[in-house]
PDB file of N, CA and C in Angstrom:
ATOM      1  N   UNK A   1     -30.117 112.474 216.333  1.00  0.00           N
ATOM      2  CA  UNK A   1     -29.422 112.037 215.145  1.00  0.00           C
ATOM      3  C   UNK A   1     -27.919 112.179 215.362  1.00  0.00           C
ATOM      4  N   UNK A   2     -27.162 111.149 215.006  1.00  0.00           N
ATOM      5  CA  UNK A   2     -25.707 111.174 215.137  1.00  0.00           C
ATOM      6  C   UNK A   2     -25.091 112.124 214.117  1.00  0.00           C
ATOM      7  N   UNK A   3     -23.887 112.622 214.470  1.00  0.00           N
ATOM      8  CA  UNK A   3     -23.142 113.472 213.553  1.00  0.00           C
ATOM      9  C   UNK A   3     -21.718 112.946 213.409  1.00  0.00           C
ATOM     10  N   UNK A   4     -21.132 113.214 212.272  1.00  0.00           N
ATOM     11  CA  UNK A   4     -19.723 112.948 212.010  1.00  0.00           C
ATOM     12  C   UNK A   4     -19.011 114.281 212.040  1.00  0.00           C
ATOM     13  N   UNK A   5     -17.923 114.361 212.814  1.00  0.00           N
ATOM     14  CA  UNK A   5     -17.148 115.592 212.907  1.00  0.00           C
ATOM     15  C   UNK A   5     -15.754 115.291 212.395  1.00  0.00           C
ATOM     16  N   UNK A   6     -15.281 116.107 211.453  1.00  0.00           N
ATOM     17  CA  UNK A   6     -13.966 115.896 210.858  1.00  0.00           C
ATOM     18  C   UNK A   6     -13.090 117.119 211.099  1.00  0.00           C
ATOM     19  N   UNK A   7     -11.969 116.900 211.793  1.00  0.00           N
ATOM     20  CA  UNK A   7     -10.975 117.937 212.058  1.00  0.00           C
ATOM     21  C   UNK A   7      -9.781 117.712 211.140  1.00  0.00           C
ATOM     22  N   UNK A   8      -9.214 118.782 210.603  1.00  0.00           N
ATOM     23  CA  UNK A   8      -7.971 118.699 209.843  1.00  0.00           C
ATOM     24  C   UNK A   8      -6.984 119.658 210.481  1.00  0.00           C
ATOM     25  N   UNK A   9      -5.818 119.140 210.851  1.00  0.00           N
ATOM     26  CA  UNK A   9      -4.787 119.972 211.449  1.00  0.00           C
ATOM     27  C   UNK A   9      -4.201 120.928 210.427  1.00  0.00           C
ATOM     28  N   UNK A  10      -3.708 122.053 210.915  1.00  0.00           N
ATOM     29  CA  UNK A  10      -3.021 123.001 210.046  1.00  0.00           C
ATOM     30  C   UNK A  10      -1.754 122.336 209.522  1.00  0.00           C
ATOM     31  N   UNK A  11      -1.219 122.843 208.414  1.00  0.00           N
ATOM     32  CA  UNK A  11       0.038 122.268 207.913  1.00  0.00           C
ATOM     33  C   UNK A  11       1.088 122.233 209.021  1.00  0.00           C
ATOM     34  N   UNK A  12       1.806 121.147 209.090  1.00  0.00           N
ATOM     35  CA  UNK A  12       2.827 120.989 210.122  1.00  0.00           C
ATOM     36  C   UNK A  12       2.339 120.235 211.349  1.00  0.00           C
ATOM     37  N   UNK A  13       1.033 120.032 211.480  1.00  0.00           N
ATOM     38  CA  UNK A  13       0.505 119.254 212.604  1.00  0.00           C
ATOM     39  C   UNK A  13       0.987 117.815 212.451  1.00  0.00           C
ATOM     40  N   UNK A  14       1.480 117.231 213.545  1.00  0.00           N
ATOM     41  CA  UNK A  14       2.034 115.883 213.487  1.00  0.00           C
ATOM     42  C   UNK A  14       1.446 115.008 214.583  1.00  0.00           C
ATOM     43  N   UNK A  15       1.544 113.720 214.386  1.00  0.00           N
ATOM     44  CA  UNK A  15       1.036 112.747 215.355  1.00  0.00           C
ATOM     45  C   UNK A  15       1.679 112.941 216.726  1.00  0.00           C
ATOM     46  N   UNK A  16       2.920 113.372 216.764  1.00  0.00           N
ATOM     47  CA  UNK A  16       3.607 113.575 218.049  1.00  0.00           C
ATOM     48  C   UNK A  16       2.914 114.644 218.888  1.00  0.00           C
ATOM     49  N   UNK A  17       2.472 115.717 218.259  1.00  0.00           N
ATOM     50  CA  UNK A  17       1.763 116.789 218.973  1.00  0.00           C
ATOM     51  C   UNK A  17       0.421 116.266 219.496  1.00  0.00           C
ATOM     52  N   UNK A  18      -0.254 115.474 218.680  1.00  0.00           N
ATOM     53  CA  UNK A  18      -1.501 114.824 219.102  1.00  0.00           C
ATOM     54  C   UNK A  18      -1.233 113.959 220.334  1.00  0.00           C
ATOM     55  N   UNK A  19      -0.184 113.126 220.259  1.00  0.00           N
ATOM     56  CA  UNK A  19       0.148 112.221 221.369  1.00  0.00           C
ATOM     57  C   UNK A  19       0.481 112.989 222.646  1.00  0.00           C
ATOM     58  N   UNK A  20       1.120 114.139 222.522  1.00  0.00           N
ATOM     59  CA  UNK A  20       1.442 114.973 223.688  1.00  0.00           C
ATOM     60  C   UNK A  20       0.196 115.599 224.304  1.00  0.00           C
ATOM     61  N   UNK A  21      -0.786 115.910 223.471  1.00  0.00           N
ATOM     62  CA  UNK A  21      -1.973 116.646 223.918  1.00  0.00           C
ATOM     63  C   UNK A  21      -3.074 115.736 224.458  1.00  0.00           C
ATOM     64  N   UNK A  22      -3.180 114.518 223.969  1.00  0.00           N
ATOM     65  CA  UNK A  22      -4.263 113.626 224.409  1.00  0.00           C
ATOM     66  C   UNK A  22      -4.330 113.435 225.919  1.00  0.00           C
ATOM     67  N   UNK A  23      -3.209 113.248 226.640  1.00  0.00           N
ATOM     68  CA  UNK A  23      -3.318 113.108 228.098  1.00  0.00           C
ATOM     69  C   UNK A  23      -3.940 114.328 228.778  1.00  0.00           C
ATOM     70  N   UNK A  24      -3.685 115.518 228.261  1.00  0.00           N
ATOM     71  CA  UNK A  24      -4.288 116.730 228.830  1.00  0.00           C
ATOM     72  C   UNK A  24      -5.793 116.738 228.600  1.00  0.00           C
ATOM     73  N   UNK A  25      -6.207 116.314 227.408  1.00  0.00           N
ATOM     74  CA  UNK A  25      -7.636 116.259 227.101  1.00  0.00           C
ATOM     75  C   UNK A  25      -8.313 115.228 228.011  1.00  0.00           C
ATOM     76  N   UNK A  26      -7.711 114.062 228.138  1.00  0.00           N
ATOM     77  CA  UNK A  26      -8.281 112.992 228.965  1.00  0.00           C
ATOM     78  C   UNK A  26      -8.356 113.395 230.436  1.00  0.00           C
ATOM     79  N   UNK A  27      -7.394 114.189 230.911  1.00  0.00           N
ATOM     80  CA  UNK A  27      -7.372 114.607 232.310  1.00  0.00           C
ATOM     81  C   UNK A  27      -8.311 115.770 232.601  1.00  0.00           C
ATOM     82  N   UNK A  28      -8.866 116.404 231.558  1.00  0.00           N
ATOM     83  CA  UNK A  28      -9.669 117.608 231.746  1.00  0.00           C
ATOM     84  C   UNK A  28     -11.104 117.333 232.194  1.00  0.00           C
ATOM     85  N   UNK A  29     -11.497 116.075 232.217  1.00  0.00           N
ATOM     86  CA  UNK A  29     -12.861 115.720 232.604  1.00  0.00           C
ATOM     87  C   UNK A  29     -13.156 114.311 232.152  1.00  0.00           C
ATOM     88  N   UNK A  30     -14.403 113.887 232.273  1.00  0.00           N
ATOM     89  CA  UNK A  30     -14.735 112.517 231.859  1.00  0.00           C
ATOM     90  C   UNK A  30     -14.289 112.250 230.424  1.00  0.00           C
ATOM     91  N   UNK A  31     -13.646 111.102 230.237  1.00  0.00           N
ATOM     92  CA  UNK A  31     -13.194 110.733 228.901  1.00  0.00           C
ATOM     93  C   UNK A  31     -13.346 109.240 228.713  1.00  0.00           C
ATOM     94  N   UNK A  32     -13.978 108.804 227.628  1.00  0.00           N
ATOM     95  CA  UNK A  32     -14.515 109.654 226.577  1.00  0.00           C
ATOM     96  C   UNK A  32     -15.692 110.474 227.082  1.00  0.00           C
ATOM     97  N   UNK A  33     -15.863 111.660 226.524  1.00  0.00           N
ATOM     98  CA  UNK A  33     -16.952 112.518 226.967  1.00  0.00           C
ATOM     99  C   UNK A  33     -18.312 111.944 226.579  1.00  0.00           C
ATOM    100  N   UNK A  34     -19.317 112.382 227.304  1.00  0.00           N
ATOM    101  CA  UNK A  34     -20.686 111.942 227.041  1.00  0.00           C
ATOM    102  C   UNK A  34     -21.055 112.232 225.593  1.00  0.00           C
ATOM    103  N   UNK A  35     -21.499 111.208 224.893  1.00  0.00           N
ATOM    104  CA  UNK A  35     -21.952 111.370 223.519  1.00  0.00           C
ATOM    105  C   UNK A  35     -20.943 110.984 222.463  1.00  0.00           C
ATOM    106  N   UNK A  36     -19.677 110.806 222.828  1.00  0.00           N
ATOM    107  CA  UNK A  36     -18.656 110.430 221.846  1.00  0.00           C
ATOM    108  C   UNK A  36     -18.691 108.921 221.632  1.00  0.00           C
ATOM    109  N   UNK A  37     -19.028 108.509 220.415  1.00  0.00           N
ATOM    110  CA  UNK A  37     -19.102 107.084 220.076  1.00  0.00           C
ATOM    111  C   UNK A  37     -17.774 106.556 219.554  1.00  0.00           C
ATOM    112  N   UNK A  38     -17.135 107.309 218.640  1.00  0.00           N
ATOM    113  CA  UNK A  38     -15.885 106.884 218.012  1.00  0.00           C
ATOM    114  C   UNK A  38     -14.958 108.078 217.864  1.00  0.00           C
ATOM    115  N   UNK A  39     -13.683 107.820 218.025  1.00  0.00           N
ATOM    116  CA  UNK A  39     -12.646 108.831 217.802  1.00  0.00           C
ATOM    117  C   UNK A  39     -11.532 108.127 217.032  1.00  0.00           C
ATOM    118  N   UNK A  40     -11.187 108.652 215.864  1.00  0.00           N
ATOM    119  CA  UNK A  40     -10.155 108.054 215.023  1.00  0.00           C
ATOM    120  C   UNK A  40      -9.193 109.158 214.601  1.00  0.00           C
ATOM    121  N   UNK A  41      -7.892 108.945 214.859  1.00  0.00           N
ATOM    122  CA  UNK A  41      -6.861 109.903 214.458  1.00  0.00           C
ATOM    123  C   UNK A  41      -5.979 109.238 213.407  1.00  0.00           C
ATOM    124  N   UNK A  42      -5.633 110.000 212.345  1.00  0.00           N
ATOM    125  CA  UNK A  42      -4.886 109.391 211.244  1.00  0.00           C
ATOM    126  C   UNK A  42      -4.234 110.462 210.371  1.00  0.00           C
ATOM    127  N   UNK A  43      -3.265 110.029 209.578  1.00  0.00           N
ATOM    128  CA  UNK A  43      -2.652 110.877 208.553  1.00  0.00           C
ATOM    129  C   UNK A  43      -3.273 110.529 207.216  1.00  0.00           C
ATOM    130  N   UNK A  44      -3.595 111.543 206.433  1.00  0.00           N
ATOM    131  CA  UNK A  44      -4.153 111.323 205.096  1.00  0.00           C
ATOM    132  C   UNK A  44      -3.713 112.458 204.190  1.00  0.00           C
ATOM    133  N   UNK A  45      -3.102 112.117 203.086  1.00  0.00           N
ATOM    134  CA  UNK A  45      -2.702 113.133 202.122  1.00  0.00           C
ATOM    135  C   UNK A  45      -1.776 114.183 202.689  1.00  0.00           C
ATOM    136  N   UNK A  46      -0.926 113.805 203.647  1.00  0.00           N
ATOM    137  CA  UNK A  46       0.005 114.748 204.241  1.00  0.00           C
ATOM    138  C   UNK A  46      -0.587 115.606 205.344  1.00  0.00           C
ATOM    139  N   UNK A  47      -1.841 115.360 205.725  1.00  0.00           N
ATOM    140  CA  UNK A  47      -2.498 116.116 206.801  1.00  0.00           C
ATOM    141  C   UNK A  47      -2.847 115.187 207.946  1.00  0.00           C
ATOM    142  N   UNK A  48      -2.702 115.693 209.173  1.00  0.00           N
ATOM    143  CA  UNK A  48      -3.139 114.935 210.331  1.00  0.00           C
ATOM    144  C   UNK A  48      -4.608 115.256 210.562  1.00  0.00           C
ATOM    145  N   UNK A  49      -5.416 114.214 210.733  1.00  0.00           N
ATOM    146  CA  UNK A  49      -6.858 114.408 210.846  1.00  0.00           C
ATOM    147  C   UNK A  49      -7.438 113.605 212.003  1.00  0.00           C
ATOM    148  N   UNK A  50      -8.583 114.052 212.466  1.00  0.00           N
ATOM    149  CA  UNK A  50      -9.359 113.339 213.480  1.00  0.00           C
ATOM    150  C   UNK A  50     -10.801 113.325 213.012  1.00  0.00           C
ATOM    151  N   UNK A  51     -11.411 112.157 213.064  1.00  0.00           N
ATOM    152  CA  UNK A  51     -12.839 112.030 212.768  1.00  0.00           C
ATOM    153  C   UNK A  51     -13.521 111.426 213.982  1.00  0.00           C
ATOM    154  N   UNK A  52     -14.700 111.936 214.279  1.00  0.00           N
ATOM    155  CA  UNK A  52     -15.451 111.451 215.446  1.00  0.00           C
ATOM    156  C   UNK A  52     -16.918 111.287 215.089  1.00  0.00           C
ATOM    157  N   UNK A  53     -17.552 110.347 215.751  1.00  0.00           N
ATOM    158  CA  UNK A  53     -19.005 110.213 215.658  1.00  0.00           C
ATOM    159  C   UNK A  53     -19.571 110.535 217.033  1.00  0.00           C
ATOM    160  N   UNK A  54     -20.520 111.464 217.041  1.00  0.00           N
ATOM    161  CA  UNK A  54     -21.169 111.935 218.259  1.00  0.00           C
ATOM    162  C   UNK A  54     -22.659 111.614 218.201  1.00  0.00           C
ATOM    163  N   UNK A  55     -23.243 111.402 219.373  1.00  0.00           N
ATOM    164  CA  UNK A  55     -24.686 111.164 219.447  1.00  0.00           C
ATOM    165  C   UNK A  55     -25.475 112.400 219.029  1.00  0.00           C
ATOM    166  N   UNK A  56     -24.943 113.601 219.337  1.00  0.00           N
ATOM    167  CA  UNK A  56     -25.670 114.827 218.991  1.00  0.00           C
ATOM    168  C   UNK A  56     -24.708 115.997 218.856  1.00  0.00           C
ATOM    169  N   UNK A  57     -25.148 117.002 218.140  1.00  0.00           N
ATOM    170  CA  UNK A  57     -24.376 118.240 217.989  1.00  0.00           C
ATOM    171  C   UNK A  57     -24.203 118.927 219.346  1.00  0.00           C
ATOM    172  N   UNK A  58     -25.230 118.877 220.169  1.00  0.00           N
ATOM    173  CA  UNK A  58     -25.164 119.539 221.482  1.00  0.00           C
ATOM    174  C   UNK A  58     -24.057 118.930 222.342  1.00  0.00           C
ATOM    175  N   UNK A  59     -23.922 117.619 222.329  1.00  0.00           N
ATOM    176  CA  UNK A  59     -22.873 116.969 223.118  1.00  0.00           C
ATOM    177  C   UNK A  59     -21.491 117.311 222.561  1.00  0.00           C
ATOM    178  N   UNK A  60     -21.375 117.338 221.249  1.00  0.00           N
ATOM    179  CA  UNK A  60     -20.107 117.729 220.634  1.00  0.00           C
ATOM    180  C   UNK A  60     -19.750 119.158 221.015  1.00  0.00           C
ATOM    181  N   UNK A  61     -20.700 120.075 220.928  1.00  0.00           N
ATOM    182  CA  UNK A  61     -20.434 121.474 221.253  1.00  0.00           C
ATOM    183  C   UNK A  61     -20.079 121.656 222.728  1.00  0.00           C
ATOM    184  N   UNK A  62     -20.710 120.888 223.611  1.00  0.00           N
ATOM    185  CA  UNK A  62     -20.377 120.960 225.038  1.00  0.00           C
ATOM    186  C   UNK A  62     -18.928 120.529 225.260  1.00  0.00           C
ATOM    187  N   UNK A  63     -18.503 119.472 224.601  1.00  0.00           N
ATOM    188  CA  UNK A  63     -17.120 119.026 224.728  1.00  0.00           C
ATOM    189  C   UNK A  63     -16.162 120.033 224.094  1.00  0.00           C
ATOM    190  N   UNK A  64     -16.585 120.670 223.014  1.00  0.00           N
ATOM    191  CA  UNK A  64     -15.750 121.667 222.351  1.00  0.00           C
ATOM    192  C   UNK A  64     -15.354 122.805 223.275  1.00  0.00           C
ATOM    193  N   UNK A  65     -16.226 123.160 224.229  1.00  0.00           N
ATOM    194  CA  UNK A  65     -15.902 124.217 225.194  1.00  0.00           C
ATOM    195  C   UNK A  65     -14.741 123.799 226.079  1.00  0.00           C
ATOM    196  N   UNK A  66     -14.586 122.523 226.295  1.00  0.00           N
ATOM    197  CA  UNK A  66     -13.473 121.974 227.086  1.00  0.00           C
ATOM    198  C   UNK A  66     -12.243 121.754 226.197  1.00  0.00           C
ATOM    199  N   UNK A  67     -12.473 121.317 224.968  1.00  0.00           N
ATOM    200  CA  UNK A  67     -11.396 120.943 224.056  1.00  0.00           C
ATOM    201  C   UNK A  67     -10.623 122.123 223.492  1.00  0.00           C
ATOM    202  N   UNK A  68     -11.312 123.119 222.984  1.00  0.00           N
ATOM    203  CA  UNK A  68     -10.647 124.178 222.221  1.00  0.00           C
ATOM    204  C   UNK A  68      -9.600 124.951 223.036  1.00  0.00           C
ATOM    205  N   UNK A  69      -9.837 125.281 224.304  1.00  0.00           N
ATOM    206  CA  UNK A  69      -8.770 125.947 225.064  1.00  0.00           C
ATOM    207  C   UNK A  69      -7.527 125.066 225.228  1.00  0.00           C
ATOM    208  N   UNK A  70      -7.722 123.759 225.363  1.00  0.00           N
ATOM    209  CA  UNK A  70      -6.577 122.854 225.496  1.00  0.00           C
ATOM    210  C   UNK A  70      -5.786 122.823 224.194  1.00  0.00           C
ATOM    211  N   UNK A  71      -6.476 122.760 223.067  1.00  0.00           N
ATOM    212  CA  UNK A  71      -5.768 122.775 221.782  1.00  0.00           C
ATOM    213  C   UNK A  71      -4.978 124.067 221.622  1.00  0.00           C
ATOM    214  N   UNK A  72      -5.589 125.193 221.977  1.00  0.00           N
ATOM    215  CA  UNK A  72      -4.908 126.487 221.858  1.00  0.00           C
ATOM    216  C   UNK A  72      -3.677 126.538 222.760  1.00  0.00           C
ATOM    217  N   UNK A  73      -3.814 126.090 224.009  1.00  0.00           N
ATOM    218  CA  UNK A  73      -2.687 126.090 224.946  1.00  0.00           C
ATOM    219  C   UNK A  73      -1.575 125.160 224.486  1.00  0.00           C
ATOM    220  N   UNK A  74      -1.926 124.111 223.759  1.00  0.00           N
ATOM    221  CA  UNK A  74      -0.939 123.139 223.279  1.00  0.00           C
ATOM    222  C   UNK A  74      -0.316 123.544 221.957  1.00  0.00           C
ATOM    223  N   UNK A  75      -0.790 124.644 221.375  1.00  0.00           N
ATOM    224  CA  UNK A  75      -0.245 125.107 220.107  1.00  0.00           C
ATOM    225  C   UNK A  75      -0.763 124.341 218.904  1.00  0.00           C
ATOM    226  N   UNK A  76      -1.892 123.666 219.064  1.00  0.00           N
ATOM    227  CA  UNK A  76      -2.481 122.931 217.949  1.00  0.00           C
ATOM    228  C   UNK A  76      -3.415 123.856 217.185  1.00  0.00           C
ATOM    229  N   UNK A  77      -3.132 124.015 215.905  1.00  0.00           N
ATOM    230  CA  UNK A  77      -3.970 124.827 215.040  1.00  0.00           C
ATOM    231  C   UNK A  77      -4.696 123.912 214.065  1.00  0.00           C
ATOM    232  N   UNK A  78      -5.916 124.279 213.752  1.00  0.00           N
ATOM    233  CA  UNK A  78      -6.701 123.534 212.771  1.00  0.00           C
ATOM    234  C   UNK A  78      -6.664 124.274 211.440  1.00  0.00           C
ATOM    235  N   UNK A  79      -6.839 123.514 210.353  1.00  0.00           N
ATOM    236  CA  UNK A  79      -6.853 124.119 209.020  1.00  0.00           C
ATOM    237  C   UNK A  79      -8.105 124.971 208.815  1.00  0.00           C
ATOM    238  N   UNK A  80      -9.101 124.776 209.644  1.00  0.00           N
ATOM    239  CA  UNK A  80     -10.358 125.512 209.567  1.00  0.00           C
ATOM    240  C   UNK A  80     -11.307 124.934 210.593  1.00  0.00           C
ATOM    241  N   UNK A  81     -12.519 125.421 210.634  1.00  0.00           N
ATOM    242  CA  UNK A  81     -13.480 124.861 211.589  1.00  0.00           C
ATOM    243  C   UNK A  81     -13.761 123.394 211.250  1.00  0.00           C
ATOM    244  N   UNK A  82     -14.119 122.599 212.249  1.00  0.00           N
ATOM    245  CA  UNK A  82     -14.434 121.207 211.950  1.00  0.00           C
ATOM    246  C   UNK A  82     -15.643 121.098 211.030  1.00  0.00           C
ATOM    247  N   UNK A  83     -15.597 120.102 210.180  1.00  0.00           N
ATOM    248  CA  UNK A  83     -16.719 119.811 209.295  1.00  0.00           C
ATOM    249  C   UNK A  83     -17.696 118.938 210.061  1.00  0.00           C
ATOM    250  N   UNK A  84     -18.961 119.296 210.077  1.00  0.00           N
ATOM    251  CA  UNK A  84     -19.990 118.547 210.804  1.00  0.00           C
ATOM    252  C   UNK A  84     -21.025 118.051 209.794  1.00  0.00           C
ATOM    253  N   UNK A  85     -21.242 116.736 209.777  1.00  0.00           N
ATOM    254  CA  UNK A  85     -22.156 116.117 208.823  1.00  0.00           C
ATOM    255  C   UNK A  85     -23.143 115.227 209.564  1.00  0.00           C
ATOM    256  N   UNK A  86     -24.387 115.221 209.135  1.00  0.00           N
ATOM    257  CA  UNK A  86     -25.370 114.313 209.720  1.00  0.00           C
ATOM    258  C   UNK A  86     -25.103 112.903 209.218  1.00  0.00           C
ATOM    259  N   UNK A  87     -25.208 111.934 210.118  1.00  0.00           N
ATOM    260  CA  UNK A  87     -24.976 110.536 209.773  1.00  0.00           C
ATOM    261  C   UNK A  87     -26.291 109.910 209.349  1.00  0.00           C
ATOM    262  N   UNK A  88     -26.277 109.241 208.227  1.00  0.00           N
ATOM    263  CA  UNK A  88     -27.464 108.562 207.722  1.00  0.00           C
ATOM    264  C   UNK A  88     -27.579 107.144 208.285  1.00  0.00           C
ATOM    265  N   UNK A  89     -26.422 106.471 208.439  1.00  0.00           N
ATOM    266  CA  UNK A  89     -26.461 105.078 208.885  1.00  0.00           C
ATOM    267  C   UNK A  89     -25.117 104.719 209.486  1.00  0.00           C
ATOM    268  N   UNK A  90     -25.134 103.880 210.506  1.00  0.00           N
ATOM    269  CA  UNK A  90     -23.918 103.332 211.110  1.00  0.00           C
ATOM    270  C   UNK A  90     -24.095 101.824 211.186  1.00  0.00           C
ATOM    271  N   UNK A  91     -23.093 101.098 210.742  1.00  0.00           N
ATOM    272  CA  UNK A  91     -23.099  99.641 210.858  1.00  0.00           C
ATOM    273  C   UNK A  91     -21.912  99.256 211.740  1.00  0.00           C
ATOM    274  N   UNK A  92     -22.184  98.503 212.784  1.00  0.00           N
ATOM    275  CA  UNK A  92     -21.138  98.043 213.700  1.00  0.00           C
ATOM    276  C   UNK A  92     -20.981  96.533 213.551  1.00  0.00           C
ATOM    277  N   UNK A  93     -19.793  96.061 213.817  1.00  0.00           N
ATOM    278  CA  UNK A  93     -19.623  94.605 213.746  1.00  0.00           C
ATOM    279  C   UNK A  93     -20.071  93.969 215.034  1.00  0.00           C
TER     280      UNK A  93
END
């Protein structure tokens, strides 16, 4: 079953920091990682956010072991743990 993962940056997180960090994430191993269907980064309500759709929680968690140290080294803080939701339906064009 697919999952939706929603990250919210801590206050002060900006698109520029995201842009600086993405090359490090991409260079850390296969990218997009196995199981990642969609990755969307955006500003909403004054917060920088990332939403992703993954094939499974296990694949997301495996990538998280690679991702979280890079975010910490880059000084990226999250407002809290990512929100993980089961996907009921996906429609693609």
